[in-house]
């Protein structure tokens, strides 16, 4: 098994064993990774023939992930917070569509900054929740 196959197997197992909260964090990380690749493509010279294709592919990928995050919202349980997050995700997707249509990096940078804040808040909430969970007793049969 090659290194690529091992990495793919590890990622697949990570997803299969992750909690719902960790899966959301993985989605945030995936969207941010796509936005970073988009920024890198924008930085390439205009003569680079792959530049536009990479920008388009990565922006569409980030939008698909954001749409998936939007689909995970539970409006019954989340109330006003979930409605605000829905509006935020819609805003992110609008700005990324604009970036793709006009081939402008500024909306990408804006969404990346905002999404990073949401991602970090989510990670902090998971960390606090996990640290508040009772520790299992060691050595008790």
C-alpha atoms as a PDB file:
ATOM      1  CA  UNK A   1       0.000   0.000   0.000  1.00  0.00           C
ATOM      2  CA  UNK A   2       1.480   3.353  -1.065  1.00  0.00           C
ATOM      3  CA  UNK A   3       1.626   6.530   0.969  1.00  0.00           C
ATOM      4  CA  UNK A   4      -1.338   7.992  -0.923  1.00  0.00           C
ATOM      5  CA  UNK A   5      -3.461   4.904  -0.185  1.00  0.00           C
ATOM      6  CA  UNK A   6      -2.495   5.020   3.489  1.00  0.00           C
ATOM      7  CA  UNK A   7      -3.451   8.691   3.730  1.00  0.00           C
ATOM      8  CA  UNK A   8      -6.772   8.028   2.001  1.00  0.00           C
ATOM      9  CA  UNK A   9      -7.519   5.109   4.344  1.00  0.00           C
ATOM     10  CA  UNK A  10      -6.615   7.247   7.368  1.00  0.00           C
ATOM     11  CA  UNK A  11      -8.951  10.050   6.202  1.00  0.00           C
ATOM     12  CA  UNK A  12     -11.766   7.596   5.560  1.00  0.00           C
ATOM     13  CA  UNK A  13     -11.362   6.069   9.032  1.00  0.00           C
ATOM     14  CA  UNK A  14     -11.227   9.550  10.586  1.00  0.00           C
ATOM     15  CA  UNK A  15     -14.564  10.396   9.018  1.00  0.00           C
ATOM     16  CA  UNK A  16     -16.136   7.081  10.000  1.00  0.00           C
ATOM     17  CA  UNK A  17     -15.108   7.424  13.648  1.00  0.00           C
ATOM     18  CA  UNK A  18     -15.670  11.176  14.088  1.00  0.00           C
ATOM     19  CA  UNK A  19     -18.438  12.624  16.218  1.00  0.00           C
ATOM     20  CA  UNK A  20     -21.008  14.872  14.511  1.00  0.00           C
ATOM     21  CA  UNK A  21     -19.225  17.910  15.963  1.00  0.00           C
ATOM     22  CA  UNK A  22     -15.872  16.734  14.621  1.00  0.00           C
ATOM     23  CA  UNK A  23     -17.440  16.138  11.194  1.00  0.00           C
ATOM     24  CA  UNK A  24     -18.593  19.773  11.105  1.00  0.00           C
ATOM     25  CA  UNK A  25     -15.062  20.830  12.019  1.00  0.00           C
ATOM     26  CA  UNK A  26     -13.720  18.695   9.163  1.00  0.00           C
ATOM     27  CA  UNK A  27     -16.127  20.426   6.779  1.00  0.00           C
ATOM     28  CA  UNK A  28     -14.895  23.840   7.926  1.00  0.00           C
ATOM     29  CA  UNK A  29     -11.307  22.700   7.443  1.00  0.00           C
ATOM     30  CA  UNK A  30     -12.096  21.365   3.972  1.00  0.00           C
ATOM     31  CA  UNK A  31     -13.705  24.634   2.890  1.00  0.00           C
ATOM     32  CA  UNK A  32     -10.778  26.633   4.272  1.00  0.00           C
ATOM     33  CA  UNK A  33      -8.321  24.373   2.457  1.00  0.00           C
ATOM     34  CA  UNK A  34     -10.142  24.983  -0.831  1.00  0.00           C
ATOM     35  CA  UNK A  35     -10.122  28.727  -0.217  1.00  0.00           C
ATOM     36  CA  UNK A  36      -6.366  28.642   0.479  1.00  0.00           C
ATOM     37  CA  UNK A  37      -5.805  26.792  -2.809  1.00  0.00           C
ATOM     38  CA  UNK A  38      -7.975  29.404  -4.529  1.00  0.00           C
ATOM     39  CA  UNK A  39      -5.848  32.234  -3.135  1.00  0.00           C
ATOM     40  CA  UNK A  40      -2.701  30.440  -4.314  1.00  0.00           C
ATOM     41  CA  UNK A  41      -4.160  30.118  -7.816  1.00  0.00           C
ATOM     42  CA  UNK A  42      -5.049  33.820  -7.869  1.00  0.00           C
ATOM     43  CA  UNK A  43      -1.393  34.581  -7.069  1.00  0.00           C
ATOM     44  CA  UNK A  44      -0.160  32.701 -10.157  1.00  0.00           C
ATOM     45  CA  UNK A  45       0.706  34.688 -13.267  1.00  0.00           C
ATOM     46  CA  UNK A  46      -2.217  35.376 -15.611  1.00  0.00           C
ATOM     47  CA  UNK A  47      -0.409  33.409 -18.339  1.00  0.00           C
ATOM     48  CA  UNK A  48      -0.669  30.203 -16.296  1.00  0.00           C
ATOM     49  CA  UNK A  49      -3.266  28.191 -18.194  1.00  0.00           C
ATOM     50  CA  UNK A  50      -4.312  26.140 -15.141  1.00  0.00           C
ATOM     51  CA  UNK A  51      -5.014  29.211 -12.989  1.00  0.00           C
ATOM     52  CA  UNK A  52      -8.664  29.781 -13.971  1.00  0.00           C
ATOM     53  CA  UNK A  53      -9.515  26.071 -13.836  1.00  0.00           C
ATOM     54  CA  UNK A  54      -8.073  25.734 -10.313  1.00  0.00           C
ATOM     55  CA  UNK A  55      -9.880  28.874  -9.126  1.00  0.00           C
ATOM     56  CA  UNK A  56     -13.191  27.604 -10.498  1.00  0.00           C
ATOM     57  CA  UNK A  57     -12.751  24.058  -9.161  1.00  0.00           C
ATOM     58  CA  UNK A  58     -11.727  25.129  -5.652  1.00  0.00           C
ATOM     59  CA  UNK A  59     -14.425  27.805  -5.347  1.00  0.00           C
ATOM     60  CA  UNK A  60     -17.098  25.318  -6.405  1.00  0.00           C
ATOM     61  CA  UNK A  61     -15.715  22.820  -3.896  1.00  0.00           C
ATOM     62  CA  UNK A  62     -15.783  25.407  -1.084  1.00  0.00           C
ATOM     63  CA  UNK A  63     -19.355  26.366  -2.033  1.00  0.00           C
ATOM     64  CA  UNK A  64     -20.431  22.707  -2.000  1.00  0.00           C
ATOM     65  CA  UNK A  65     -18.970  22.289   1.489  1.00  0.00           C
ATOM     66  CA  UNK A  66     -20.670  25.455   2.726  1.00  0.00           C
ATOM     67  CA  UNK A  67     -23.941  24.205   1.244  1.00  0.00           C
ATOM     68  CA  UNK A  68     -23.420  20.932   3.125  1.00  0.00           C
ATOM     69  CA  UNK A  69     -22.835  22.872   6.352  1.00  0.00           C
ATOM     70  CA  UNK A  70     -26.037  24.778   5.656  1.00  0.00           C
ATOM     71  CA  UNK A  71     -27.853  21.474   5.224  1.00  0.00           C
ATOM     72  CA  UNK A  72     -26.744  20.304   8.666  1.00  0.00           C
ATOM     73  CA  UNK A  73     -28.547  23.162  10.424  1.00  0.00           C
ATOM     74  CA  UNK A  74     -31.415  22.071  12.667  1.00  0.00           C
ATOM     75  CA  UNK A  75     -33.835  24.996  12.711  1.00  0.00           C
ATOM     76  CA  UNK A  76     -36.100  23.379  15.303  1.00  0.00           C
ATOM     77  CA  UNK A  77     -33.350  22.879  17.863  1.00  0.00           C
ATOM     78  CA  UNK A  78     -31.175  25.816  16.812  1.00  0.00           C
ATOM     79  CA  UNK A  79     -33.847  28.502  16.613  1.00  0.00           C
ATOM     80  CA  UNK A  80     -32.561  31.996  15.910  1.00  0.00           C
ATOM     81  CA  UNK A  81     -28.912  30.876  15.933  1.00  0.00           C
ATOM     82  CA  UNK A  82     -29.477  28.392  13.096  1.00  0.00           C
ATOM     83  CA  UNK A  83     -31.357  31.029  11.076  1.00  0.00           C
ATOM     84  CA  UNK A  84     -28.431  33.430  11.496  1.00  0.00           C
ATOM     85  CA  UNK A  85     -25.975  30.722  10.438  1.00  0.00           C
ATOM     86  CA  UNK A  86     -28.121  29.980   7.392  1.00  0.00           C
ATOM     87  CA  UNK A  87     -27.939  33.654   6.388  1.00  0.00           C
ATOM     88  CA  UNK A  88     -24.195  33.649   6.969  1.00  0.00           C
ATOM     89  CA  UNK A  89     -23.689  30.554   4.794  1.00  0.00           C
ATOM     90  CA  UNK A  90     -25.830  32.132   2.054  1.00  0.00           C
ATOM     91  CA  UNK A  91     -23.664  35.250   2.242  1.00  0.00           C
ATOM     92  CA  UNK A  92     -20.477  33.171   1.973  1.00  0.00           C
ATOM     93  CA  UNK A  93     -21.798  31.377  -1.110  1.00  0.00           C
ATOM     94  CA  UNK A  94     -22.899  34.650  -2.745  1.00  0.00           C
ATOM     95  CA  UNK A  95     -19.468  36.185  -2.195  1.00  0.00           C
ATOM     96  CA  UNK A  96     -17.697  33.092  -3.546  1.00  0.00           C
ATOM     97  CA  UNK A  97     -19.952  33.051  -6.615  1.00  0.00           C
ATOM     98  CA  UNK A  98     -19.029  36.698  -7.160  1.00  0.00           C
ATOM     99  CA  UNK A  99     -15.330  35.852  -6.802  1.00  0.00           C
ATOM    100  CA  UNK A 100     -15.683  33.108  -9.390  1.00  0.00           C
ATOM    101  CA  UNK A 101     -17.735  35.162 -11.820  1.00  0.00           C
ATOM    102  CA  UNK A 102     -15.527  38.253 -11.672  1.00  0.00           C
ATOM    103  CA  UNK A 103     -12.277  36.384 -10.921  1.00  0.00           C
ATOM    104  CA  UNK A 104     -11.565  38.582  -7.908  1.00  0.00           C
ATOM    105  CA  UNK A 105      -9.625  37.410  -4.866  1.00  0.00           C
ATOM    106  CA  UNK A 106     -11.041  39.957  -2.380  1.00  0.00           C
ATOM    107  CA  UNK A 107     -14.292  38.044  -1.700  1.00  0.00           C
ATOM    108  CA  UNK A 108     -12.268  34.867  -1.170  1.00  0.00           C
ATOM    109  CA  UNK A 109     -10.087  36.586   1.424  1.00  0.00           C
ATOM    110  CA  UNK A 110     -13.186  37.983   3.164  1.00  0.00           C
ATOM    111  CA  UNK A 111     -14.981  34.626   3.318  1.00  0.00           C
ATOM    112  CA  UNK A 112     -11.811  32.850   4.414  1.00  0.00           C
ATOM    113  CA  UNK A 113     -11.397  35.303   7.314  1.00  0.00           C
ATOM    114  CA  UNK A 114     -15.044  35.029   8.382  1.00  0.00           C
ATOM    115  CA  UNK A 115     -15.157  31.256   8.018  1.00  0.00           C
ATOM    116  CA  UNK A 116     -11.945  30.941  10.043  1.00  0.00           C
ATOM    117  CA  UNK A 117     -13.612  32.819  12.906  1.00  0.00           C
ATOM    118  CA  UNK A 118     -16.641  30.513  12.809  1.00  0.00           C
ATOM    119  CA  UNK A 119     -14.408  27.436  12.552  1.00  0.00           C
ATOM    120  CA  UNK A 120     -12.281  28.517  15.512  1.00  0.00           C
ATOM    121  CA  UNK A 121     -15.390  29.218  17.581  1.00  0.00           C
ATOM    122  CA  UNK A 122     -16.727  25.770  16.730  1.00  0.00           C
ATOM    123  CA  UNK A 123     -13.400  24.136  17.654  1.00  0.00           C
ATOM    124  CA  UNK A 124     -13.344  25.998  20.972  1.00  0.00           C
ATOM    125  CA  UNK A 125     -16.904  24.918  21.748  1.00  0.00           C
ATOM    126  CA  UNK A 126     -15.985  21.286  21.009  1.00  0.00           C
ATOM    127  CA  UNK A 127     -12.889  21.552  23.178  1.00  0.00           C
ATOM    128  CA  UNK A 128     -14.827  22.977  26.115  1.00  0.00           C
ATOM    129  CA  UNK A 129     -17.549  20.370  25.719  1.00  0.00           C
ATOM    130  CA  UNK A 130     -15.009  17.546  25.602  1.00  0.00           C
ATOM    131  CA  UNK A 131     -13.097  18.859  28.622  1.00  0.00           C
ATOM    132  CA  UNK A 132     -16.355  19.086  30.608  1.00  0.00           C
ATOM    133  CA  UNK A 133     -17.176  15.436  29.911  1.00  0.00           C
ATOM    134  CA  UNK A 134     -16.565  13.109  32.863  1.00  0.00           C
ATOM    135  CA  UNK A 135     -13.316  11.185  32.682  1.00  0.00           C
ATOM    136  CA  UNK A 136     -13.658   7.386  32.618  1.00  0.00           C
ATOM    137  CA  UNK A 137     -12.263   5.578  35.633  1.00  0.00           C
ATOM    138  CA  UNK A 138      -9.000   3.823  34.920  1.00  0.00           C
ATOM    139  CA  UNK A 139      -8.413   0.283  36.085  1.00  0.00           C
ATOM    140  CA  UNK A 140     -12.006  -0.347  37.203  1.00  0.00           C
ATOM    141  CA  UNK A 141     -13.302  -3.734  36.127  1.00  0.00           C
END
